[in-house]
Amino acid sequence: SGQGTITNADGDFRFVAADTAHVRISFVGYETVNLPVSRLQPVVKL
């Protein structure tokens, strides 16, 4: 839906996005994760 951010030093992130959006989380050396906002868990394991 166009929003974005980065995780902080503790790995946490927070932002506002559309309920129907998908979240893409990427980090060099890890497999990229694409999840619907509705399925996002409190802890995301890459």
All heavy atoms as atom14 arrays in JSON, in Angstrom:
{
  "sequence": "SGQGTITNADGDFRFVAADTAHVRISFVGYETVNLPVSRLQPVVKL",
  "atom14_mask": [
    [1, 1, 1, 1, 1, 1, 0, 0, 0, 0, 0, 0, 0, 0],
    [1, 1, 1, 1, 0, 0, 0, 0, 0, 0, 0, 0, 0, 0],
    [1, 1, 1, 1, 1, 1, 1, 1, 1, 0, 0, 0, 0, 0],
    [1, 1, 1, 1, 0, 0, 0, 0, 0, 0, 0, 0, 0, 0],
    [1, 1, 1, 1, 1, 1, 1, 0, 0, 0, 0, 0, 0, 0],
    [1, 1, 1, 1, 1, 1, 1, 1, 0, 0, 0, 0, 0, 0],
    [1, 1, 1, 1, 1, 1, 1, 0, 0, 0, 0, 0, 0, 0],
    [1, 1, 1, 1, 1, 1, 1, 1, 0, 0, 0, 0, 0, 0],
    [1, 1, 1, 1, 1, 0, 0, 0, 0, 0, 0, 0, 0, 0],
    [1, 1, 1, 1, 1, 1, 1, 1, 0, 0, 0, 0, 0, 0],
    [1, 1, 1, 1, 0, 0, 0, 0, 0, 0, 0, 0, 0, 0],
    [1, 1, 1, 1, 1, 1, 1, 1, 0, 0, 0, 0, 0, 0],
    [1, 1, 1, 1, 1, 1, 1, 1, 1, 1, 1, 0, 0, 0],
    [1, 1, 1, 1, 1, 1, 1, 1, 1, 1, 1, 0, 0, 0],
    [1, 1, 1, 1, 1, 1, 1, 1, 1, 1, 1, 0, 0, 0],
    [1, 1, 1, 1, 1, 1, 1, 0, 0, 0, 0, 0, 0, 0],
    [1, 1, 1, 1, 1, 0, 0, 0, 0, 0, 0, 0, 0, 0],
    [1, 1, 1, 1, 1, 0, 0, 0, 0, 0, 0, 0, 0, 0],
    [1, 1, 1, 1, 1, 1, 1, 1, 0, 0, 0, 0, 0, 0],
    [1, 1, 1, 1, 1, 1, 1, 0, 0, 0, 0, 0, 0, 0],
    [1, 1, 1, 1, 1, 0, 0, 0, 0, 0, 0, 0, 0, 0],
    [1, 1, 1, 1, 1, 1, 1, 1, 1, 1, 0, 0, 0, 0],
    [1, 1, 1, 1, 1, 1, 1, 0, 0, 0, 0, 0, 0, 0],
    [1, 1, 1, 1, 1, 1, 1, 1, 1, 1, 1, 0, 0, 0],
    [1, 1, 1, 1, 1, 1, 1, 1, 0, 0, 0, 0, 0, 0],
    [1, 1, 1, 1, 1, 1, 0, 0, 0, 0, 0, 0, 0, 0],
    [1, 1, 1, 1, 1, 1, 1, 1, 1, 1, 1, 0, 0, 0],
    [1, 1, 1, 1, 1, 1, 1, 0, 0, 0, 0, 0, 0, 0],
    [1, 1, 1, 1, 0, 0, 0, 0, 0, 0, 0, 0, 0, 0],
    [1, 1, 1, 1, 1, 1, 1, 1, 1, 1, 1, 1, 0, 0],
    [1, 1, 1, 1, 1, 1, 1, 1, 1, 0, 0, 0, 0, 0],
    [1, 1, 1, 1, 1, 1, 1, 0, 0, 0, 0, 0, 0, 0],
    [1, 1, 1, 1, 1, 1, 1, 0, 0, 0, 0, 0, 0, 0],
    [1, 1, 1, 1, 1, 1, 1, 1, 0, 0, 0, 0, 0, 0],
    [1, 1, 1, 1, 1, 1, 1, 1, 0, 0, 0, 0, 0, 0],
    [1, 1, 1, 1, 1, 1, 1, 0, 0, 0, 0, 0, 0, 0],
    [1, 1, 1, 1, 1, 1, 1, 0, 0, 0, 0, 0, 0, 0],
    [1, 1, 1, 1, 1, 1, 0, 0, 0, 0, 0, 0, 0, 0],
    [1, 1, 1, 1, 1, 1, 1, 1, 1, 1, 1, 0, 0, 0],
    [1, 1, 1, 1, 1, 1, 1, 1, 0, 0, 0, 0, 0, 0],
    [1, 1, 1, 1, 1, 1, 1, 1, 1, 0, 0, 0, 0, 0],
    [1, 1, 1, 1, 1, 1, 1, 0, 0, 0, 0, 0, 0, 0],
    [1, 1, 1, 1, 1, 1, 1, 0, 0, 0, 0, 0, 0, 0],
    [1, 1, 1, 1, 1, 1, 1, 0, 0, 0, 0, 0, 0, 0],
    [1, 1, 1, 1, 1, 1, 1, 1, 1, 0, 0, 0, 0, 0],
    [1, 1, 1, 1, 1, 1, 1, 1, 0, 0, 0, 0, 0, 0]
  ],
  "atom14_positions": [
    [[0.82, -1.21, 0.0], [0.0, 0.0, 0.0], [0.85, 1.26, 0.0], [0.32, 2.37, 0.05], [-0.96, 0.0, 1.2], [-0.26, -0.22, 2.42], [0.0, 0.0, 0.0], [0.0, 0.0, 0.0], [0.0, 0.0, 0.0], [0.0, 0.0, 0.0], [0.0, 0.0, 0.0], [0.0, 0.0, 0.0], [0.0, 0.0, 0.0], [0.0, 0.0, 0.0]],
    [[2.17, 1.09, -0.04], [3.06, 2.24, -0.22], [3.85, 2.65, 1.0], [4.8, 3.42, 0.9], [0.0, 0.0, 0.0], [0.0, 0.0, 0.0], [0.0, 0.0, 0.0], [0.0, 0.0, 0.0], [0.0, 0.0, 0.0], [0.0, 0.0, 0.0], [0.0, 0.0, 0.0], [0.0, 0.0, 0.0], [0.0, 0.0, 0.0], [0.0, 0.0, 0.0]],
    [[3.5, 2.17, 2.19], [4.21, 2.57, 3.39], [5.48, 1.73, 3.55], [5.61, 0.66, 2.97], [3.32, 2.41, 4.63], [2.06, 3.25, 4.63], [0.96, 2.69, 3.77], [1.03, 1.55, 3.34], [-0.06, 3.49, 3.5], [0.0, 0.0, 0.0], [0.0, 0.0, 0.0], [0.0, 0.0, 0.0], [0.0, 0.0, 0.0], [0.0, 0.0, 0.0]],
    [[6.39, 2.23, 4.37], [7.63, 1.49, 4.6], [8.38, 2.0, 5.79], [8.14, 3.11, 6.27], [0.0, 0.0, 0.0], [0.0, 0.0, 0.0], [0.0, 0.0, 0.0], [0.0, 0.0, 0.0], [0.0, 0.0, 0.0], [0.0, 0.0, 0.0], [0.0, 0.0, 0.0], [0.0, 0.0, 0.0], [0.0, 0.0, 0.0], [0.0, 0.0, 0.0]],
    [[9.28, 1.18, 6.3], [10.13, 1.57, 7.41], [11.29, 0.58, 7.46], [11.52, -0.19, 6.53], [9.35, 1.58, 8.73], [10.19, 2.08, 9.79], [8.86, 0.19, 9.11], [0.0, 0.0, 0.0], [0.0, 0.0, 0.0], [0.0, 0.0, 0.0], [0.0, 0.0, 0.0], [0.0, 0.0, 0.0], [0.0, 0.0, 0.0], [0.0, 0.0, 0.0]],
    [[12.04, 0.6, 8.55], [13.09, -0.37, 8.81], [12.95, -0.84, 10.26], [12.31, -0.17, 11.07], [14.51, 0.21, 8.59], [14.71, 1.47, 9.45], [14.76, 0.49, 7.14], [16.11, 2.01, 9.44], [0.0, 0.0, 0.0], [0.0, 0.0, 0.0], [0.0, 0.0, 0.0], [0.0, 0.0, 0.0], [0.0, 0.0, 0.0], [0.0, 0.0, 0.0]],
    [[13.55, -1.97, 10.57], [13.57, -2.4, 11.96], [14.62, -1.59, 12.71], [15.58, -1.1, 12.14], [13.91, -3.9, 12.07], [15.21, -4.13, 11.47], [12.89, -4.74, 11.33], [0.0, 0.0, 0.0], [0.0, 0.0, 0.0], [0.0, 0.0, 0.0], [0.0, 0.0, 0.0], [0.0, 0.0, 0.0], [0.0, 0.0, 0.0], [0.0, 0.0, 0.0]],
    [[14.41, -1.44, 14.02], [15.4, -0.74, 14.82], [16.5, -1.72, 15.25], [16.54, -2.86, 14.79], [14.75, -0.05, 16.03], [14.07, -1.04, 16.99], [14.38, -2.23, 16.99], [13.15, -0.55, 17.78], [0.0, 0.0, 0.0], [0.0, 0.0, 0.0], [0.0, 0.0, 0.0], [0.0, 0.0, 0.0], [0.0, 0.0, 0.0], [0.0, 0.0, 0.0]],
    [[17.38, -1.27, 16.14], [18.51, -2.12, 16.55], [18.06, -3.39, 17.24], [18.78, -4.39, 17.26], [19.44, -1.32, 17.47], [0.0, 0.0, 0.0], [0.0, 0.0, 0.0], [0.0, 0.0, 0.0], [0.0, 0.0, 0.0], [0.0, 0.0, 0.0], [0.0, 0.0, 0.0], [0.0, 0.0, 0.0], [0.0, 0.0, 0.0], [0.0, 0.0, 0.0]],
    [[16.84, -3.38, 17.81], [16.3, -4.57, 18.48], [15.49, -5.44, 17.54], [14.89, -6.44, 17.98], [15.41, -4.15, 19.66], [16.22, -3.48, 20.77], [17.44, -3.73, 20.85], [15.62, -2.72, 21.55], [0.0, 0.0, 0.0], [0.0, 0.0, 0.0], [0.0, 0.0, 0.0], [0.0, 0.0, 0.0], [0.0, 0.0, 0.0], [0.0, 0.0, 0.0]],
    [[15.42, -5.07, 16.25], [14.67, -5.86, 15.28], [13.19, -5.52, 15.21], [12.44, -6.19, 14.5], [0.0, 0.0, 0.0], [0.0, 0.0, 0.0], [0.0, 0.0, 0.0], [0.0, 0.0, 0.0], [0.0, 0.0, 0.0], [0.0, 0.0, 0.0], [0.0, 0.0, 0.0], [0.0, 0.0, 0.0], [0.0, 0.0, 0.0], [0.0, 0.0, 0.0]],
    [[12.74, -4.49, 15.94], [11.32, -4.14, 15.98], [10.96, -3.11, 14.91], [11.77, -2.24, 14.58], [10.95, -3.57, 17.36], [11.18, -4.58, 18.48], [10.88, -5.77, 18.27], [11.64, -4.16, 19.56], [0.0, 0.0, 0.0], [0.0, 0.0, 0.0], [0.0, 0.0, 0.0], [0.0, 0.0, 0.0], [0.0, 0.0, 0.0], [0.0, 0.0, 0.0]],
    [[9.73, -3.2, 14.41], [9.23, -2.17, 13.5], [7.76, -1.92, 13.8], [7.06, -2.76, 14.37], [9.42, -2.56, 12.04], [8.51, -3.66, 11.54], [7.25, -3.38, 11.02], [8.93, -4.99, 11.59], [6.42, -4.39, 10.57], [8.1, -6.01, 11.13], [6.84, -5.71, 10.62], [0.0, 0.0, 0.0], [0.0, 0.0, 0.0], [0.0, 0.0, 0.0]],
    [[7.29, -0.73, 13.39], [5.88, -0.37, 13.56], [5.54, 0.71, 12.56], [6.26, 1.7, 12.42], [5.61, 0.13, 14.98], [4.18, 0.62, 15.21], [3.92, 0.89, 16.68], [4.88, 1.82, 17.24], [5.26, 1.84, 18.53], [4.77, 0.96, 19.37], [6.12, 2.74, 18.97], [0.0, 0.0, 0.0], [0.0, 0.0, 0.0], [0.0, 0.0, 0.0]],
    [[4.45, 0.54, 11.82], [3.95, 1.57, 10.92], [2.5, 1.26, 10.57], [1.98, 0.21, 10.93], [4.82, 1.69, 9.66], [4.76, 0.5, 8.73], [4.17, 0.59, 7.48], [5.33, -0.72, 9.09], [4.13, -0.49, 6.62], [5.3, -1.81, 8.23], [4.69, -1.69, 6.99], [0.0, 0.0, 0.0], [0.0, 0.0, 0.0], [0.0, 0.0, 0.0]],
    [[1.85, 2.19, 9.92], [0.44, 2.04, 9.56], [0.33, 1.66, 8.1], [0.95, 2.3, 7.23], [-0.34, 3.34, 9.83], [-1.79, 3.2, 9.39], [-0.27, 3.7, 11.31], [0.0, 0.0, 0.0], [0.0, 0.0, 0.0], [0.0, 0.0, 0.0], [0.0, 0.0, 0.0], [0.0, 0.0, 0.0], [0.0, 0.0, 0.0], [0.0, 0.0, 0.0]],
    [[-0.46, 0.61, 7.81], [-0.63, 0.15, 6.43], [-2.07, -0.3, 6.22], [-2.83, -0.5, 7.18], [0.32, -1.01, 6.14], [0.0, 0.0, 0.0], [0.0, 0.0, 0.0], [0.0, 0.0, 0.0], [0.0, 0.0, 0.0], [0.0, 0.0, 0.0], [0.0, 0.0, 0.0], [0.0, 0.0, 0.0], [0.0, 0.0, 0.0], [0.0, 0.0, 0.0]],
    [[-2.44, -0.44, 4.96], [-3.78, -0.9, 4.63], [-3.98, -2.34, 5.08], [-3.05, -3.16, 5.01], [-4.03, -0.78, 3.12], [0.0, 0.0, 0.0], [0.0, 0.0, 0.0], [0.0, 0.0, 0.0], [0.0, 0.0, 0.0], [0.0, 0.0, 0.0], [0.0, 0.0, 0.0], [0.0, 0.0, 0.0], [0.0, 0.0, 0.0], [0.0, 0.0, 0.0]],
    [[-5.18, -2.65, 5.53], [-5.47, -3.98, 6.06], [-5.33, -5.06, 5.0], [-5.09, -6.23, 5.3], [-6.89, -4.0, 6.64], [-7.18, -5.25, 7.43], [-6.34, -5.64, 8.26], [-8.23, -5.87, 7.19], [0.0, 0.0, 0.0], [0.0, 0.0, 0.0], [0.0, 0.0, 0.0], [0.0, 0.0, 0.0], [0.0, 0.0, 0.0], [0.0, 0.0, 0.0]],
    [[-5.49, -4.68, 3.73], [-5.4, -5.65, 2.64], [-4.0, -5.76, 2.05], [-3.78, -6.5, 1.09], [-6.38, -5.25, 1.52], [-6.09, -3.91, 1.09], [-7.82, -5.32, 2.0], [0.0, 0.0, 0.0], [0.0, 0.0, 0.0], [0.0, 0.0, 0.0], [0.0, 0.0, 0.0], [0.0, 0.0, 0.0], [0.0, 0.0, 0.0], [0.0, 0.0, 0.0]],
    [[-3.06, -4.99, 2.59], [-1.71, -4.95, 2.02], [-0.91, -6.19, 2.37], [-1.24, -6.95, 3.29], [-0.97, -3.71, 2.51], [0.0, 0.0, 0.0], [0.0, 0.0, 0.0], [0.0, 0.0, 0.0], [0.0, 0.0, 0.0], [0.0, 0.0, 0.0], [0.0, 0.0, 0.0], [0.0, 0.0, 0.0], [0.0, 0.0, 0.0], [0.0, 0.0, 0.0]],
    [[0.15, -6.4, 1.62], [1.16, -7.41, 1.93], [2.41, -6.69, 2.43], [2.72, -5.58, 1.98], [1.51, -8.25, 0.7], [0.51, -9.32, 0.42], [-0.8, -9.05, 0.08], [0.63, -10.69, 0.43], [-1.44, -10.2, -0.12], [-0.61, -11.19, 0.09], [0.0, 0.0, 0.0], [0.0, 0.0, 0.0], [0.0, 0.0, 0.0], [0.0, 0.0, 0.0]],
    [[3.12, -7.31, 3.35], [4.35, -6.75, 3.9], [5.53, -7.56, 3.38], [5.53, -8.79, 3.46], [4.33, -6.75, 5.44], [5.66, -6.24, 5.98], [3.19, -5.89, 5.96], [0.0, 0.0, 0.0], [0.0, 0.0, 0.0], [0.0, 0.0, 0.0], [0.0, 0.0, 0.0], [0.0, 0.0, 0.0], [0.0, 0.0, 0.0], [0.0, 0.0, 0.0]],
    [[6.52, -6.84, 2.87], [7.73, -7.49, 2.35], [8.9, -7.14, 3.27], [9.2, -5.96, 3.47], [8.02, -7.01, 0.93], [9.26, -7.64, 0.28], [9.4, -7.14, -1.15], [10.48, -7.8, -1.86], [11.74, -7.36, -1.87], [12.06, -6.25, -1.23], [12.66, -8.02, -2.54], [0.0, 0.0, 0.0], [0.0, 0.0, 0.0], [0.0, 0.0, 0.0]],
    [[9.55, -8.15, 3.83], [10.66, -7.96, 4.76], [11.9, -8.6, 4.17], [11.9, -9.8, 3.84], [10.35, -8.58, 6.14], [9.04, -8.01, 6.69], [11.49, -8.33, 7.11], [8.57, -8.69, 7.96], [0.0, 0.0, 0.0], [0.0, 0.0, 0.0], [0.0, 0.0, 0.0], [0.0, 0.0, 0.0], [0.0, 0.0, 0.0], [0.0, 0.0, 0.0]],
    [[12.96, -7.8, 4.01], [14.17, -8.33, 3.38], [15.41, -7.91, 4.16], [15.45, -6.85, 4.79], [14.28, -7.82, 1.94], [14.37, -6.41, 1.9], [0.0, 0.0, 0.0], [0.0, 0.0, 0.0], [0.0, 0.0, 0.0], [0.0, 0.0, 0.0], [0.0, 0.0, 0.0], [0.0, 0.0, 0.0], [0.0, 0.0, 0.0], [0.0, 0.0, 0.0]],
    [[16.41, -8.76, 4.11], [17.69, -8.52, 4.77], [18.75, -9.31, 4.0], [18.53, -10.49, 3.69], [17.63, -8.97, 6.23], [18.77, -8.48, 7.08], [18.69, -7.25, 7.72], [19.91, -9.24, 7.25], [19.73, -6.8, 8.52], [20.95, -8.8, 8.04], [20.86, -7.57, 8.67], [0.0, 0.0, 0.0], [0.0, 0.0, 0.0], [0.0, 0.0, 0.0]],
    [[19.85, -8.67, 3.69], [20.89, -9.32, 2.9], [21.38, -10.59, 3.61], [21.71, -10.56, 4.8], [22.07, -8.36, 2.65], [23.22, -9.09, 1.96], [21.62, -7.18, 1.81], [0.0, 0.0, 0.0], [0.0, 0.0, 0.0], [0.0, 0.0, 0.0], [0.0, 0.0, 0.0], [0.0, 0.0, 0.0], [0.0, 0.0, 0.0], [0.0, 0.0, 0.0]],
    [[21.41, -11.68, 2.87], [21.85, -12.95, 3.43], [20.71, -13.8, 3.97], [20.95, -14.9, 4.48], [0.0, 0.0, 0.0], [0.0, 0.0, 0.0], [0.0, 0.0, 0.0], [0.0, 0.0, 0.0], [0.0, 0.0, 0.0], [0.0, 0.0, 0.0], [0.0, 0.0, 0.0], [0.0, 0.0, 0.0], [0.0, 0.0, 0.0], [0.0, 0.0, 0.0]],
    [[19.46, -13.29, 3.84], [18.29, -14.02, 4.33], [17.24, -14.09, 3.23], [17.2, -13.23, 2.34], [17.69, -13.36, 5.57], [18.57, -13.46, 6.8], [19.66, -12.6, 6.96], [18.34, -14.41, 7.77], [20.48, -12.68, 8.07], [19.15, -14.5, 8.89], [20.22, -13.64, 9.03], [21.03, -13.73, 10.13], [0.0, 0.0, 0.0], [0.0, 0.0, 0.0]],
    [[16.38, -15.1, 3.31], [15.31, -15.22, 2.35], [14.23, -14.18, 2.62], [13.82, -13.97, 3.77], [14.71, -16.63, 2.4], [15.69, -17.71, 1.97], [15.05, -19.09, 1.91], [13.8, -19.16, 2.02], [15.78, -20.07, 1.76], [0.0, 0.0, 0.0], [0.0, 0.0, 0.0], [0.0, 0.0, 0.0], [0.0, 0.0, 0.0], [0.0, 0.0, 0.0]],
    [[13.77, -13.51, 1.57], [12.76, -12.47, 1.7], [11.41, -13.08, 2.06], [11.04, -14.15, 1.58], [12.64, -11.68, 0.39], [13.9, -11.07, 0.11], [11.58, -10.61, 0.47], [0.0, 0.0, 0.0], [0.0, 0.0, 0.0], [0.0, 0.0, 0.0], [0.0, 0.0, 0.0], [0.0, 0.0, 0.0], [0.0, 0.0, 0.0], [0.0, 0.0, 0.0]],
    [[10.67, -12.39, 2.93], [9.35, -12.85, 3.37], [8.29, -11.89, 2.85], [8.43, -10.67, 2.96], [9.29, -12.93, 4.9], [7.85, -13.12, 5.37], [10.15, -14.08, 5.41], [0.0, 0.0, 0.0], [0.0, 0.0, 0.0], [0.0, 0.0, 0.0], [0.0, 0.0, 0.0], [0.0, 0.0, 0.0], [0.0, 0.0, 0.0], [0.0, 0.0, 0.0]],
    [[7.23, -12.43, 2.25], [6.06, -11.67, 1.83], [4.84, -12.22, 2.54], [4.5, -13.39, 2.37], [5.87, -11.76, 0.32], [6.92, -10.98, -0.45], [6.83, -9.77, -0.56], [7.92, -11.69, -0.95], [0.0, 0.0, 0.0], [0.0, 0.0, 0.0], [0.0, 0.0, 0.0], [0.0, 0.0, 0.0], [0.0, 0.0, 0.0], [0.0, 0.0, 0.0]],
    [[4.2, -11.38, 3.36], [3.06, -11.83, 4.15], [1.91, -10.85, 4.06], [2.13, -9.64, 4.04], [3.45, -11.98, 5.63], [4.4, -13.11, 6.02], [4.82, -12.93, 7.47], [3.72, -14.45, 5.83], [0.0, 0.0, 0.0], [0.0, 0.0, 0.0], [0.0, 0.0, 0.0], [0.0, 0.0, 0.0], [0.0, 0.0, 0.0], [0.0, 0.0, 0.0]],
    [[0.65, -11.33, 4.03], [-0.48, -10.42, 4.18], [-0.46, -9.8, 5.56], [-0.05, -10.45, 6.54], [-1.7, -11.33, 4.0], [-1.18, -12.58, 3.36], [0.23, -12.72, 3.82], [0.0, 0.0, 0.0], [0.0, 0.0, 0.0], [0.0, 0.0, 0.0], [0.0, 0.0, 0.0], [0.0, 0.0, 0.0], [0.0, 0.0, 0.0], [0.0, 0.0, 0.0]],
    [[-0.88, -8.56, 5.67], [-0.91, -7.89, 6.97], [-1.71, -8.7, 7.98], [-1.33, -8.8, 9.16], [-1.5, -6.47, 6.81], [-1.85, -5.88, 8.16], [-0.52, -5.57, 6.08], [0.0, 0.0, 0.0], [0.0, 0.0, 0.0], [0.0, 0.0, 0.0], [0.0, 0.0, 0.0], [0.0, 0.0, 0.0], [0.0, 0.0, 0.0], [0.0, 0.0, 0.0]],
    [[-2.79, -9.29, 7.53], [-3.66, -10.05, 8.44], [-2.99, -11.29, 9.02], [-3.42, -11.81, 10.04], [-4.95, -10.46, 7.71], [-4.65, -11.24, 6.55], [0.0, 0.0, 0.0], [0.0, 0.0, 0.0], [0.0, 0.0, 0.0], [0.0, 0.0, 0.0], [0.0, 0.0, 0.0], [0.0, 0.0, 0.0], [0.0, 0.0, 0.0], [0.0, 0.0, 0.0]],
    [[-1.93, -11.77, 8.38], [-1.24, -12.99, 8.85], [0.08, -12.69, 9.54], [0.8, -13.61, 9.92], [-0.99, -13.93, 7.67], [-2.25, -14.57, 7.09], [-1.91, -15.45, 5.9], [-0.82, -16.37, 6.21], [-0.11, -17.03, 5.29], [-0.38, -16.84, 4.01], [0.85, -17.85, 5.65], [0.0, 0.0, 0.0], [0.0, 0.0, 0.0], [0.0, 0.0, 0.0]],
    [[0.39, -11.44, 9.74], [1.67, -11.08, 10.35], [1.66, -11.44, 11.83], [0.77, -11.03, 12.59], [1.92, -9.58, 10.17], [3.33, -9.08, 10.5], [4.33, -9.65, 9.49], [3.37, -7.56, 10.46], [0.0, 0.0, 0.0], [0.0, 0.0, 0.0], [0.0, 0.0, 0.0], [0.0, 0.0, 0.0], [0.0, 0.0, 0.0], [0.0, 0.0, 0.0]],
    [[2.66, -12.2, 12.27], [2.78, -12.61, 13.66], [3.65, -11.62, 14.44], [4.4, -10.85, 13.86], [3.39, -14.01, 13.74], [2.56, -15.08, 13.05], [1.21, -15.27, 13.68], [1.09, -15.35, 14.91], [0.17, -15.35, 12.86], [0.0, 0.0, 0.0], [0.0, 0.0, 0.0], [0.0, 0.0, 0.0], [0.0, 0.0, 0.0], [0.0, 0.0, 0.0]],
    [[3.56, -11.63, 15.78], [4.39, -10.71, 16.59], [5.89, -10.89, 16.35], [6.66, -9.95, 16.5], [4.0, -11.06, 18.03], [2.63, -11.64, 17.92], [2.61, -12.38, 16.61], [0.0, 0.0, 0.0], [0.0, 0.0, 0.0], [0.0, 0.0, 0.0], [0.0, 0.0, 0.0], [0.0, 0.0, 0.0], [0.0, 0.0, 0.0], [0.0, 0.0, 0.0]],
    [[6.29, -12.11, 16.0], [7.7, -12.39, 15.71], [7.79, -12.99, 14.31], [7.11, -13.98, 14.0], [8.3, -13.36, 16.74], [9.75, -13.7, 16.36], [8.26, -12.76, 18.13], [0.0, 0.0, 0.0], [0.0, 0.0, 0.0], [0.0, 0.0, 0.0], [0.0, 0.0, 0.0], [0.0, 0.0, 0.0], [0.0, 0.0, 0.0], [0.0, 0.0, 0.0]],
    [[8.62, -12.37, 13.47], [8.83, -12.86, 12.11], [10.23, -13.44, 12.03], [11.22, -12.75, 12.3], [8.67, -11.73, 11.07], [8.94, -12.26, 9.66], [7.28, -11.11, 11.16], [0.0, 0.0, 0.0], [0.0, 0.0, 0.0], [0.0, 0.0, 0.0], [0.0, 0.0, 0.0], [0.0, 0.0, 0.0], [0.0, 0.0, 0.0], [0.0, 0.0, 0.0]],
    [[10.33, -14.71, 11.65], [11.62, -15.38, 11.55], [12.07, -15.42, 10.1], [11.37, -15.95, 9.24], [11.52, -16.81, 12.1], [11.13, -16.88, 13.58], [11.04, -18.32, 14.05], [10.66, -18.39, 15.52], [10.57, -19.8, 16.0], [0.0, 0.0, 0.0], [0.0, 0.0, 0.0], [0.0, 0.0, 0.0], [0.0, 0.0, 0.0], [0.0, 0.0, 0.0]],
    [[13.22, -14.83, 9.83], [13.81, -14.9, 8.5], [14.81, -16.05, 8.45], [15.68, -16.16, 9.32], [14.52, -13.59, 8.14], [13.66, -12.32, 8.01], [14.49, -11.19, 7.41], [12.43, -12.57, 7.17], [0.0, 0.0, 0.0], [0.0, 0.0, 0.0], [0.0, 0.0, 0.0], [0.0, 0.0, 0.0], [0.0, 0.0, 0.0], [0.0, 0.0, 0.0]]
  ]
}
